[in-house]
Amino acid sequence: MPYVRSHTRRDGARVRAHYRKRRRAGGGGTARRGGSGGSSGITALFLWGVPALVVVVMVVDFVQQHPYWSALLVLIVGATAVASVSVTVKQRARRRAEQAQRDRLIAVTDAMSGPEFEQWFARLLEASGFRHVQVKGGSGDRGADVVALAPDGRRMVVQCKRQSLRNRVGSAAIQKFAGTCREVHGGQLCMIVTNSFFTAGDGVRLARQLNIVLVDRRALEVWAWTRTPPSSLALR
């Protein structure tokens, strides 16, 4: 609002000037922000709330005027939902059956990575009656790729060696696993499994002395197909 203020100039003349108070930026800005938020909320209400309310009213009105058609539509929607769930369940069951059939073939392991081979062998253990199967492979696993409880209750520790057919598991790997299976991992059954073969020598003899089960490609192929663990495990 303007106000009048008088002052004397340098030449001695006295004059009056009109001034207008400045509006504080903070108050105006806050008011504008508040107004903007309120308007956006009202806009959202009209965009979503009003159409939703109209739809609800239309549905209620339709049900009241056409109760039989409404019941029929509910039955159709329910039947469609049940059929969709049934199809999904059957597809999942079929995929599991196909996966189980593929897992019976030793050849599928030749195209796997190391972690994939560990998961494959873990599924084989579960299919063979082992319980609490866990894949532990990774950095710092210290040789324990898979651990499980055997059907007789003993703790089994497995090291998985996914190799090409030209490469064999040497005695160094067997000796290293022999030093960690029981002392570090508390294994009561210790096993090294490979989709390849083991080199003959000190490692194989050491495995026999320390009661470490070695499962090569031939034994693994029979195990995968029959779902029966090798007799060398001596499960009670």
Protein backbone atom coordinates (compact mmCIF):
# COMPACT_ATOMS: atom_id res chain seq x y z
CA MET A 1 0.00 0.00 0.00
CA PRO A 2 1.55 3.43 -0.93
CA TYR A 3 2.58 5.94 1.67
CA VAL A 4 3.86 9.58 1.51
CA ARG A 5 7.28 10.63 2.76
CA SER A 6 8.67 14.17 2.61
CA HIS A 7 12.33 15.20 2.49
CA THR A 8 14.42 18.30 1.78
CA ARG A 9 16.54 18.53 -1.34
CA ARG A 10 20.02 20.03 -1.43
CA ASP A 11 18.68 23.32 -2.82
CA GLY A 12 16.46 23.70 0.22
CA ALA A 13 13.20 22.83 -1.45
CA ARG A 14 10.93 20.50 0.41
CA VAL A 15 9.23 17.74 -1.62
CA ARG A 16 6.96 14.80 -1.07
CA ALA A 17 7.41 11.33 -2.59
CA HIS A 18 5.10 8.34 -2.79
CA TYR A 19 6.46 4.89 -1.86
CA ARG A 20 4.98 1.34 -2.01
CA LYS A 21 5.89 -1.36 0.49
CA ARG A 22 7.65 -4.36 -0.99
CA ARG A 23 6.05 -7.82 -0.52
CA ARG A 24 8.22 -10.34 1.20
CA ALA A 25 9.45 -13.00 -1.19
CA GLY A 26 9.19 -15.77 1.40
CA GLY A 27 5.53 -15.27 2.19
CA GLY A 28 4.50 -14.96 -1.42
CA GLY A 29 6.58 -17.97 -2.44
CA THR A 30 5.14 -20.10 0.30
CA ALA A 31 1.62 -19.09 -0.60
CA ARG A 32 2.23 -19.90 -4.23
CA ARG A 33 3.73 -23.28 -3.39
CA GLY A 34 0.80 -24.09 -1.16
CA GLY A 35 -1.67 -23.08 -3.81
CA SER A 36 0.15 -25.18 -6.42
CA GLY A 37 0.10 -28.28 -4.22
CA GLY A 38 -3.59 -27.87 -3.50
CA SER A 39 -4.46 -27.41 -7.15
CA SER A 40 -2.45 -30.51 -8.16
CA GLY A 41 -4.25 -32.53 -5.51
CA ILE A 42 -7.63 -31.39 -6.76
CA THR A 43 -6.56 -32.16 -10.33
CA ALA A 44 -5.52 -35.69 -9.34
CA LEU A 45 -8.83 -36.16 -7.54
CA PHE A 46 -10.75 -35.23 -10.68
CA LEU A 47 -8.53 -37.34 -12.94
CA TRP A 48 -8.72 -40.53 -10.88
CA GLY A 49 -11.32 -40.25 -8.17
CA VAL A 50 -14.24 -39.08 -10.24
CA PRO A 51 -13.81 -41.68 -13.03
CA ALA A 52 -13.43 -44.43 -10.43
CA LEU A 53 -16.58 -43.30 -8.67
CA VAL A 54 -18.45 -43.26 -11.99
CA VAL A 55 -17.29 -46.80 -12.77
CA VAL A 56 -18.42 -48.03 -9.35
CA VAL A 57 -21.82 -46.44 -9.78
CA MET A 58 -22.19 -47.97 -13.24
CA VAL A 59 -21.23 -51.43 -11.97
CA VAL A 60 -23.66 -51.25 -9.05
CA ASP A 61 -26.42 -50.04 -11.35
CA PHE A 62 -25.75 -52.85 -13.84
CA VAL A 63 -25.80 -55.50 -11.09
CA GLN A 64 -29.09 -54.18 -9.75
CA GLN A 65 -30.73 -54.11 -13.18
CA HIS A 66 -29.21 -57.37 -14.52
CA PRO A 67 -28.53 -59.72 -11.59
CA TYR A 68 -28.51 -62.90 -13.71
CA TRP A 69 -26.13 -61.51 -16.30
CA SER A 70 -23.92 -60.26 -13.48
CA ALA A 71 -23.79 -63.73 -11.93
CA LEU A 72 -22.95 -65.23 -15.32
CA LEU A 73 -20.12 -62.75 -15.85
CA VAL A 74 -18.72 -63.56 -12.40
CA LEU A 75 -18.79 -67.27 -13.23
CA ILE A 76 -17.05 -66.66 -16.55
CA VAL A 77 -14.32 -64.54 -14.95
CA GLY A 78 -13.82 -67.08 -12.17
CA ALA A 79 -13.65 -70.00 -14.61
CA THR A 80 -11.15 -68.09 -16.75
CA ALA A 81 -8.95 -67.40 -13.71
CA VAL A 82 -9.07 -71.04 -12.60
CA ALA A 83 -8.21 -72.23 -16.12
CA SER A 84 -5.31 -69.79 -16.32
CA VAL A 85 -3.89 -70.98 -12.99
CA SER A 86 -4.34 -74.61 -14.06
CA VAL A 87 -2.46 -74.01 -17.31
CA THR A 88 0.37 -72.28 -15.46
CA VAL A 89 0.68 -75.14 -12.97
CA LYS A 90 0.72 -77.72 -15.77
CA GLN A 91 3.37 -75.78 -17.69
CA ARG A 92 5.59 -75.59 -14.63
CA ALA A 93 5.12 -79.30 -13.96
CA ARG A 94 5.99 -80.11 -17.57
CA ARG A 95 9.12 -77.96 -17.40
CA ARG A 96 10.19 -79.70 -14.19
CA ALA A 97 9.61 -83.09 -15.79
CA GLU A 98 11.63 -82.08 -18.84
CA GLN A 99 14.40 -80.74 -16.59
CA ALA A 100 14.45 -84.00 -14.62
CA GLN A 101 14.66 -86.01 -17.85
CA ARG A 102 17.57 -83.89 -19.11
CA ASP A 103 19.31 -84.26 -15.76
CA ARG A 104 19.44 -88.02 -16.30
CA LEU A 105 21.85 -87.59 -19.21
CA ILE A 106 25.52 -87.20 -18.35
CA ALA A 107 26.12 -85.46 -21.69
CA VAL A 108 24.33 -82.32 -20.51
CA THR A 109 27.14 -81.67 -18.02
CA ASP A 110 29.72 -81.22 -20.78
CA ALA A 111 28.28 -77.84 -21.77
CA MET A 112 27.89 -76.60 -18.18
CA SER A 113 29.96 -74.14 -16.23
CA GLY A 114 31.35 -75.05 -12.82
CA PRO A 115 28.45 -73.46 -10.86
CA GLU A 116 25.89 -75.07 -13.19
CA PHE A 117 27.48 -78.46 -12.59
CA GLU A 118 27.22 -77.92 -8.83
CA GLN A 119 23.50 -77.10 -9.16
CA TRP A 120 23.00 -80.15 -11.38
CA PHE A 121 24.64 -82.44 -8.84
CA ALA A 122 22.64 -80.88 -6.02
CA ARG A 123 19.42 -81.77 -7.88
CA LEU A 124 20.75 -85.31 -8.33
CA LEU A 125 21.32 -85.62 -4.58
CA GLU A 126 17.78 -84.47 -3.83
CA ALA A 127 16.37 -86.93 -6.36
CA SER A 128 18.44 -89.67 -4.69
CA GLY A 129 17.00 -89.17 -1.21
CA PHE A 130 19.55 -86.77 0.30
CA ARG A 131 18.20 -84.03 2.55
CA HIS A 132 19.13 -80.41 3.33
CA VAL A 133 21.15 -80.13 0.13
CA GLN A 134 23.01 -76.83 -0.10
CA VAL A 135 25.31 -75.48 -2.79
CA LYS A 136 28.27 -73.76 -1.13
CA GLY A 137 30.56 -73.36 -4.11
CA GLY A 138 32.24 -70.00 -4.63
CA SER A 139 35.26 -68.04 -3.55
CA GLY A 140 36.43 -69.15 -0.14
CA ASP A 141 34.47 -72.42 -0.10
CA ARG A 142 37.72 -74.29 0.72
CA GLY A 143 36.67 -77.32 -1.29
CA ALA A 144 33.07 -77.71 -0.09
CA ASP A 145 30.93 -77.15 -3.17
CA VAL A 146 27.84 -79.07 -1.98
CA VAL A 147 26.86 -80.26 1.49
CA ALA A 148 23.93 -82.52 2.37
CA LEU A 149 22.62 -85.09 4.80
CA ALA A 150 22.77 -88.65 3.51
CA PRO A 151 19.70 -90.90 3.86
CA ASP A 152 21.36 -92.48 6.93
CA GLY A 153 21.83 -89.04 8.56
CA ARG A 154 25.55 -88.54 8.03
CA ARG A 155 26.87 -85.19 6.83
CA MET A 156 28.30 -85.38 3.33
CA VAL A 157 30.71 -82.86 1.81
CA VAL A 158 31.20 -82.87 -1.95
CA GLN A 159 33.70 -81.22 -4.22
CA CYS A 160 32.51 -80.94 -7.83
CA LYS A 161 35.01 -80.96 -10.68
CA ARG A 162 33.52 -79.99 -14.05
CA GLN A 163 36.18 -80.85 -16.61
CA SER A 164 36.50 -81.41 -20.32
CA LEU A 165 36.92 -85.05 -21.27
CA ARG A 166 40.56 -84.42 -22.16
CA ASN A 167 41.34 -83.18 -18.65
CA ARG A 168 41.47 -85.46 -15.63
CA VAL A 169 41.34 -84.66 -11.93
CA GLY A 170 44.85 -85.03 -10.56
CA SER A 171 46.20 -86.16 -7.22
CA ALA A 172 46.85 -82.55 -6.07
CA ALA A 173 43.11 -81.80 -5.99
CA ILE A 174 42.42 -85.03 -4.08
CA GLN A 175 45.14 -84.31 -1.51
CA LYS A 176 43.91 -80.74 -0.99
CA PHE A 177 40.32 -81.89 -0.44
CA ALA A 178 41.50 -84.60 1.95
CA GLY A 179 42.93 -81.90 4.20
CA THR A 180 39.70 -79.89 4.49
CA CYS A 181 36.72 -82.26 4.18
CA ARG A 182 36.68 -83.54 7.75
CA GLU A 183 38.90 -81.13 9.66
CA VAL A 184 37.41 -77.92 8.24
CA HIS A 185 33.92 -78.88 7.06
CA GLY A 186 33.08 -81.67 9.50
CA GLY A 187 32.28 -84.14 6.75
CA GLN A 188 31.40 -87.69 7.73
CA LEU A 189 31.14 -88.68 4.08
CA CYS A 190 33.66 -87.07 1.72
CA MET A 191 33.23 -87.21 -2.05
CA ILE A 192 34.82 -85.78 -5.19
CA VAL A 193 32.60 -86.02 -8.25
CA THR A 194 33.59 -85.23 -11.82
CA ASN A 195 32.10 -85.50 -15.28
CA SER A 196 35.57 -86.61 -16.42
CA PHE A 197 37.99 -89.11 -14.87
CA PHE A 198 40.71 -89.27 -12.22
CA THR A 199 44.37 -89.80 -12.92
CA ALA A 200 45.77 -93.01 -11.52
CA GLY A 201 48.44 -92.59 -8.89
CA ASP A 202 49.05 -91.39 -5.35
CA GLY A 203 45.86 -89.36 -5.23
CA VAL A 204 43.61 -92.33 -5.86
CA ARG A 205 45.51 -94.44 -3.30
CA LEU A 206 45.28 -91.60 -0.76
CA ALA A 207 41.53 -91.34 -1.36
CA ARG A 208 41.15 -95.03 -0.57
CA GLN A 209 43.25 -94.73 2.57
CA LEU A 210 41.28 -91.71 3.84
CA ASN A 211 37.91 -93.14 2.78
CA ILE A 212 37.20 -90.39 0.24
CA VAL A 213 34.72 -91.51 -2.40
CA LEU A 214 35.70 -90.75 -5.99
CA VAL A 215 32.86 -90.65 -8.53
CA ASP A 216 34.03 -90.46 -12.15
CA ARG A 217 32.04 -90.09 -15.34
CA ARG A 218 31.04 -93.76 -15.62
CA ALA A 219 29.76 -93.99 -12.05
CA LEU A 220 28.08 -90.57 -12.34
CA GLU A 221 26.30 -91.60 -15.53
CA VAL A 222 24.78 -94.65 -13.82
CA TRP A 223 23.86 -92.59 -10.76
CA ALA A 224 22.16 -89.87 -12.82
CA TRP A 225 20.12 -92.38 -14.83
CA THR A 226 19.06 -94.68 -11.98
CA ARG A 227 18.90 -92.09 -9.16
CA THR A 228 20.74 -94.65 -7.03
CA PRO A 229 23.94 -93.58 -5.21
CA PRO A 230 27.04 -95.70 -5.88
CA SER A 231 27.72 -98.60 -3.54
CA SER A 232 31.07 -97.05 -2.62
CA LEU A 233 29.18 -94.61 -0.39
CA ALA A 234 28.23 -97.55 1.84
CA LEU A 235 25.00 -95.94 2.95
CA ARG A 236 23.54 -97.72 5.94
